[in-house]
Amino acid sequence: MAKATLATPDQPIGDLTIGDLQKMIAETVREVVREELSRDYYINEEGFKVLYEEEDIDPDYLAQLNKDYEDIEAGKTELVRGEVVLEKLRELGVDL
């Protein structure tokens, strides 16, 4: 494991060498990658939480999703576009 480069928040940037900066950047990237790999989900480009493994889904949540899907298929639930919902919320005074 790489030795941590010590730099204090009040240390002038001019006191650091290019090597120090490279080590600090490499350590930061490794930390971020480790954090991402340790999670069981990621956030996609639309901002939705996506699980890596389907088994990680809470069974109650999955059951509710399946029920909602069945209600939609059976015509028991009406779908509304997101833009319509946002407009209605704005009309109600919700600051979005």
N, C-alpha and C. Protein backbone atom coordinates (compact mmCIF):
# COMPACT_ATOMS: atom_id res chain seq x y z
N MET A 1 0.84 -1.17 0.00
CA MET A 1 0.00 0.00 0.00
C MET A 1 0.89 1.24 0.00
N ALA A 2 0.51 2.24 -0.75
CA ALA A 2 1.31 3.45 -0.88
C ALA A 2 1.30 4.24 0.42
N LYS A 3 2.42 4.84 0.72
CA LYS A 3 2.52 5.68 1.90
C LYS A 3 1.78 6.99 1.63
N ALA A 4 0.95 7.40 2.58
CA ALA A 4 0.16 8.62 2.40
C ALA A 4 1.06 9.84 2.32
N THR A 5 0.77 10.70 1.38
CA THR A 5 1.50 11.95 1.26
C THR A 5 0.85 12.93 2.22
N LEU A 6 1.63 13.46 3.11
CA LEU A 6 1.08 14.37 4.10
C LEU A 6 1.17 15.81 3.61
N ALA A 7 0.05 16.45 3.59
CA ALA A 7 -0.02 17.87 3.25
C ALA A 7 -1.09 18.47 4.13
N THR A 8 -0.80 19.57 4.75
CA THR A 8 -1.79 20.22 5.59
C THR A 8 -2.59 21.21 4.77
N PRO A 9 -3.84 21.48 5.17
CA PRO A 9 -4.67 22.41 4.41
C PRO A 9 -4.07 23.81 4.28
N ASP A 10 -3.25 24.20 5.23
CA ASP A 10 -2.66 25.54 5.17
C ASP A 10 -1.26 25.56 4.54
N GLN A 11 -0.83 24.41 4.04
CA GLN A 11 0.49 24.32 3.40
C GLN A 11 0.43 24.94 2.01
N PRO A 12 1.36 25.84 1.68
CA PRO A 12 1.36 26.42 0.34
C PRO A 12 1.58 25.36 -0.73
N ILE A 13 0.84 25.47 -1.80
CA ILE A 13 0.94 24.50 -2.89
C ILE A 13 2.36 24.50 -3.47
N GLY A 14 3.03 25.61 -3.38
CA GLY A 14 4.40 25.71 -3.89
C GLY A 14 5.39 24.84 -3.15
N ASP A 15 5.02 24.40 -1.95
CA ASP A 15 5.90 23.53 -1.17
C ASP A 15 5.84 22.07 -1.63
N LEU A 16 4.86 21.74 -2.48
CA LEU A 16 4.70 20.37 -2.94
C LEU A 16 5.45 20.16 -4.25
N THR A 17 5.94 18.96 -4.43
CA THR A 17 6.61 18.63 -5.69
C THR A 17 5.59 17.98 -6.63
N ILE A 18 5.95 17.86 -7.89
CA ILE A 18 5.10 17.18 -8.86
C ILE A 18 4.86 15.74 -8.38
N GLY A 19 5.90 15.12 -7.85
CA GLY A 19 5.76 13.75 -7.33
C GLY A 19 4.75 13.68 -6.19
N ASP A 20 4.79 14.70 -5.29
CA ASP A 20 3.82 14.74 -4.20
C ASP A 20 2.39 14.82 -4.76
N LEU A 21 2.19 15.69 -5.73
CA LEU A 21 0.87 15.86 -6.33
C LEU A 21 0.41 14.57 -7.02
N GLN A 22 1.32 13.92 -7.73
CA GLN A 22 0.97 12.66 -8.40
C GLN A 22 0.55 11.61 -7.38
N LYS A 23 1.29 11.51 -6.28
CA LYS A 23 0.95 10.54 -5.23
C LYS A 23 -0.41 10.86 -4.62
N MET A 24 -0.67 12.14 -4.36
CA MET A 24 -1.94 12.54 -3.76
C MET A 24 -3.11 12.22 -4.70
N ILE A 25 -2.93 12.48 -5.98
CA ILE A 25 -3.99 12.19 -6.95
C ILE A 25 -4.21 10.69 -7.05
N ALA A 26 -3.12 9.92 -7.11
CA ALA A 26 -3.23 8.46 -7.21
C ALA A 26 -3.93 7.89 -5.98
N GLU A 27 -3.61 8.40 -4.79
CA GLU A 27 -4.25 7.93 -3.56
C GLU A 27 -5.74 8.26 -3.57
N THR A 28 -6.08 9.44 -4.04
CA THR A 28 -7.49 9.84 -4.11
C THR A 28 -8.26 8.96 -5.08
N VAL A 29 -7.68 8.70 -6.24
CA VAL A 29 -8.34 7.84 -7.23
C VAL A 29 -8.53 6.44 -6.67
N ARG A 30 -7.52 5.90 -6.02
CA ARG A 30 -7.63 4.56 -5.42
C ARG A 30 -8.75 4.52 -4.38
N GLU A 31 -8.83 5.56 -3.56
CA GLU A 31 -9.87 5.64 -2.52
C GLU A 31 -11.26 5.65 -3.15
N VAL A 32 -11.43 6.44 -4.19
CA VAL A 32 -12.73 6.52 -4.87
C VAL A 32 -13.08 5.19 -5.51
N VAL A 33 -12.13 4.55 -6.17
CA VAL A 33 -12.38 3.26 -6.82
C VAL A 33 -12.74 2.22 -5.77
N ARG A 34 -12.01 2.19 -4.65
CA ARG A 34 -12.33 1.22 -3.57
C ARG A 34 -13.75 1.45 -3.06
N GLU A 35 -14.11 2.70 -2.87
CA GLU A 35 -15.46 3.02 -2.38
C GLU A 35 -16.52 2.56 -3.39
N GLU A 36 -16.29 2.83 -4.67
CA GLU A 36 -17.25 2.42 -5.69
C GLU A 36 -17.38 0.91 -5.76
N LEU A 37 -16.27 0.20 -5.65
CA LEU A 37 -16.30 -1.26 -5.74
C LEU A 37 -16.92 -1.90 -4.51
N SER A 38 -16.87 -1.21 -3.37
CA SER A 38 -17.41 -1.80 -2.16
C SER A 38 -18.92 -1.63 -2.07
N ARG A 39 -19.49 -0.73 -2.86
CA ARG A 39 -20.93 -0.54 -2.85
C ARG A 39 -21.62 -1.65 -3.63
N ASP A 40 -22.89 -1.85 -3.31
CA ASP A 40 -23.66 -2.84 -4.06
C ASP A 40 -24.55 -2.18 -5.10
N TYR A 41 -24.29 -0.89 -5.36
CA TYR A 41 -25.08 -0.16 -6.37
C TYR A 41 -24.24 0.96 -6.97
N TYR A 42 -24.75 1.55 -8.04
CA TYR A 42 -24.16 2.75 -8.61
C TYR A 42 -25.30 3.66 -9.04
N ILE A 43 -24.99 4.91 -9.27
CA ILE A 43 -25.97 5.88 -9.72
C ILE A 43 -25.77 6.06 -11.22
N ASN A 44 -26.82 5.81 -12.02
CA ASN A 44 -26.68 5.92 -13.47
C ASN A 44 -26.78 7.37 -13.92
N GLU A 45 -26.65 7.59 -15.24
CA GLU A 45 -26.60 8.95 -15.77
C GLU A 45 -27.91 9.72 -15.57
N GLU A 46 -29.02 9.01 -15.33
CA GLU A 46 -30.30 9.68 -15.05
C GLU A 46 -30.47 9.95 -13.56
N GLY A 47 -29.51 9.52 -12.75
CA GLY A 47 -29.58 9.75 -11.32
C GLY A 47 -30.30 8.66 -10.54
N PHE A 48 -30.56 7.51 -11.20
CA PHE A 48 -31.24 6.42 -10.53
C PHE A 48 -30.24 5.45 -9.91
N LYS A 49 -30.61 4.94 -8.75
CA LYS A 49 -29.79 3.94 -8.06
C LYS A 49 -29.99 2.60 -8.77
N VAL A 50 -28.89 1.97 -9.21
CA VAL A 50 -28.94 0.70 -9.92
C VAL A 50 -28.14 -0.32 -9.12
N LEU A 51 -28.78 -1.43 -8.76
CA LEU A 51 -28.11 -2.47 -7.99
C LEU A 51 -27.26 -3.34 -8.92
N TYR A 52 -26.08 -3.73 -8.43
CA TYR A 52 -25.22 -4.62 -9.21
C TYR A 52 -25.81 -6.03 -9.27
N GLU A 53 -26.40 -6.46 -8.19
CA GLU A 53 -26.94 -7.81 -8.09
C GLU A 53 -28.43 -7.75 -7.83
N GLU A 54 -29.21 -8.46 -8.61
CA GLU A 54 -30.65 -8.47 -8.42
C GLU A 54 -31.01 -9.01 -7.04
N GLU A 55 -30.20 -9.90 -6.50
CA GLU A 55 -30.48 -10.48 -5.19
C GLU A 55 -30.44 -9.44 -4.08
N ASP A 56 -29.81 -8.28 -4.34
CA ASP A 56 -29.71 -7.24 -3.33
C ASP A 56 -31.02 -6.47 -3.16
N ILE A 57 -31.99 -6.72 -4.01
CA ILE A 57 -33.25 -5.99 -3.94
C ILE A 57 -34.05 -6.49 -2.74
N ASP A 58 -34.57 -5.55 -1.98
CA ASP A 58 -35.43 -5.88 -0.85
C ASP A 58 -36.66 -6.62 -1.38
N PRO A 59 -36.98 -7.79 -0.85
CA PRO A 59 -38.10 -8.58 -1.37
C PRO A 59 -39.44 -7.83 -1.33
N ASP A 60 -39.67 -7.04 -0.27
CA ASP A 60 -40.93 -6.28 -0.19
C ASP A 60 -41.00 -5.23 -1.29
N TYR A 61 -39.86 -4.57 -1.54
CA TYR A 61 -39.82 -3.56 -2.60
C TYR A 61 -40.05 -4.21 -3.96
N LEU A 62 -39.43 -5.36 -4.19
CA LEU A 62 -39.60 -6.07 -5.45
C LEU A 62 -41.05 -6.52 -5.63
N ALA A 63 -41.67 -6.99 -4.56
CA ALA A 63 -43.08 -7.40 -4.62
C ALA A 63 -43.97 -6.21 -4.97
N GLN A 64 -43.68 -5.05 -4.40
CA GLN A 64 -44.47 -3.85 -4.70
C GLN A 64 -44.27 -3.44 -6.16
N LEU A 65 -43.05 -3.50 -6.65
CA LEU A 65 -42.80 -3.18 -8.05
C LEU A 65 -43.57 -4.13 -8.97
N ASN A 66 -43.55 -5.42 -8.65
CA ASN A 66 -44.28 -6.39 -9.46
C ASN A 66 -45.78 -6.13 -9.43
N LYS A 67 -46.31 -5.79 -8.25
CA LYS A 67 -47.74 -5.48 -8.14
C LYS A 67 -48.07 -4.24 -8.97
N ASP A 68 -47.22 -3.20 -8.86
CA ASP A 68 -47.44 -1.98 -9.65
C ASP A 68 -47.44 -2.30 -11.14
N TYR A 69 -46.50 -3.13 -11.57
CA TYR A 69 -46.42 -3.50 -12.98
C TYR A 69 -47.68 -4.24 -13.42
N GLU A 70 -48.13 -5.17 -12.58
CA GLU A 70 -49.34 -5.92 -12.91
C GLU A 70 -50.56 -4.99 -12.98
N ASP A 71 -50.63 -4.01 -12.06
CA ASP A 71 -51.73 -3.04 -12.08
C ASP A 71 -51.70 -2.19 -13.36
N ILE A 72 -50.52 -1.83 -13.79
CA ILE A 72 -50.38 -1.05 -15.03
C ILE A 72 -50.83 -1.90 -16.22
N GLU A 73 -50.36 -3.14 -16.27
CA GLU A 73 -50.72 -4.04 -17.37
C GLU A 73 -52.23 -4.29 -17.41
N ALA A 74 -52.85 -4.38 -16.23
CA ALA A 74 -54.28 -4.67 -16.16
C ALA A 74 -55.13 -3.41 -16.36
N GLY A 75 -54.49 -2.25 -16.46
CA GLY A 75 -55.24 -1.01 -16.64
C GLY A 75 -55.82 -0.46 -15.36
N LYS A 76 -55.38 -0.97 -14.20
CA LYS A 76 -55.88 -0.51 -12.91
C LYS A 76 -55.18 0.76 -12.45
N THR A 77 -54.02 1.06 -13.03
CA THR A 77 -53.23 2.23 -12.66
C THR A 77 -52.99 3.06 -13.91
N GLU A 78 -53.17 4.36 -13.76
CA GLU A 78 -52.95 5.26 -14.89
C GLU A 78 -51.55 5.86 -14.79
N LEU A 79 -50.83 5.82 -15.87
CA LEU A 79 -49.50 6.40 -15.90
C LEU A 79 -49.60 7.88 -16.24
N VAL A 80 -48.76 8.69 -15.60
CA VAL A 80 -48.74 10.13 -15.84
C VAL A 80 -47.30 10.52 -16.13
N ARG A 81 -47.11 11.34 -17.15
CA ARG A 81 -45.77 11.78 -17.51
C ARG A 81 -45.17 12.62 -16.37
N GLY A 82 -43.87 12.51 -16.20
CA GLY A 82 -43.18 13.24 -15.15
C GLY A 82 -43.35 14.74 -15.26
N GLU A 83 -43.41 15.25 -16.49
CA GLU A 83 -43.57 16.70 -16.68
C GLU A 83 -44.90 17.19 -16.13
N VAL A 84 -45.93 16.35 -16.25
CA VAL A 84 -47.25 16.71 -15.73
C VAL A 84 -47.21 16.77 -14.21
N VAL A 85 -46.55 15.79 -13.60
CA VAL A 85 -46.43 15.76 -12.15
C VAL A 85 -45.68 16.99 -11.65
N LEU A 86 -44.56 17.32 -12.30
CA LEU A 86 -43.79 18.50 -11.90
C LEU A 86 -44.63 19.77 -12.00
N GLU A 87 -45.37 19.92 -13.07
CA GLU A 87 -46.21 21.10 -13.25
C GLU A 87 -47.26 21.19 -12.16
N LYS A 88 -47.91 20.08 -11.82
CA LYS A 88 -48.92 20.06 -10.76
C LYS A 88 -48.30 20.44 -9.41
N LEU A 89 -47.10 19.92 -9.14
CA LEU A 89 -46.42 20.24 -7.88
C LEU A 89 -46.08 21.73 -7.83
N ARG A 90 -45.63 22.28 -8.94
CA ARG A 90 -45.34 23.73 -8.98
C ARG A 90 -46.60 24.54 -8.75
N GLU A 91 -47.72 24.09 -9.33
CA GLU A 91 -49.00 24.78 -9.13
C GLU A 91 -49.41 24.76 -7.66
N LEU A 92 -49.03 23.70 -6.95
CA LEU A 92 -49.33 23.58 -5.53
C LEU A 92 -48.36 24.37 -4.65
N GLY A 93 -47.36 24.98 -5.29
CA GLY A 93 -46.41 25.80 -4.56
C GLY A 93 -45.17 25.09 -4.07
N VAL A 94 -44.95 23.88 -4.54
CA VAL A 94 -43.74 23.15 -4.16
C VAL A 94 -42.58 23.70 -4.96
N ASP A 95 -41.52 24.12 -4.26
CA ASP A 95 -40.37 24.72 -4.91
C ASP A 95 -39.44 23.62 -5.42
N LEU A 96 -39.41 23.46 -6.74
CA LEU A 96 -38.57 22.41 -7.35
C LEU A 96 -37.48 23.02 -8.17
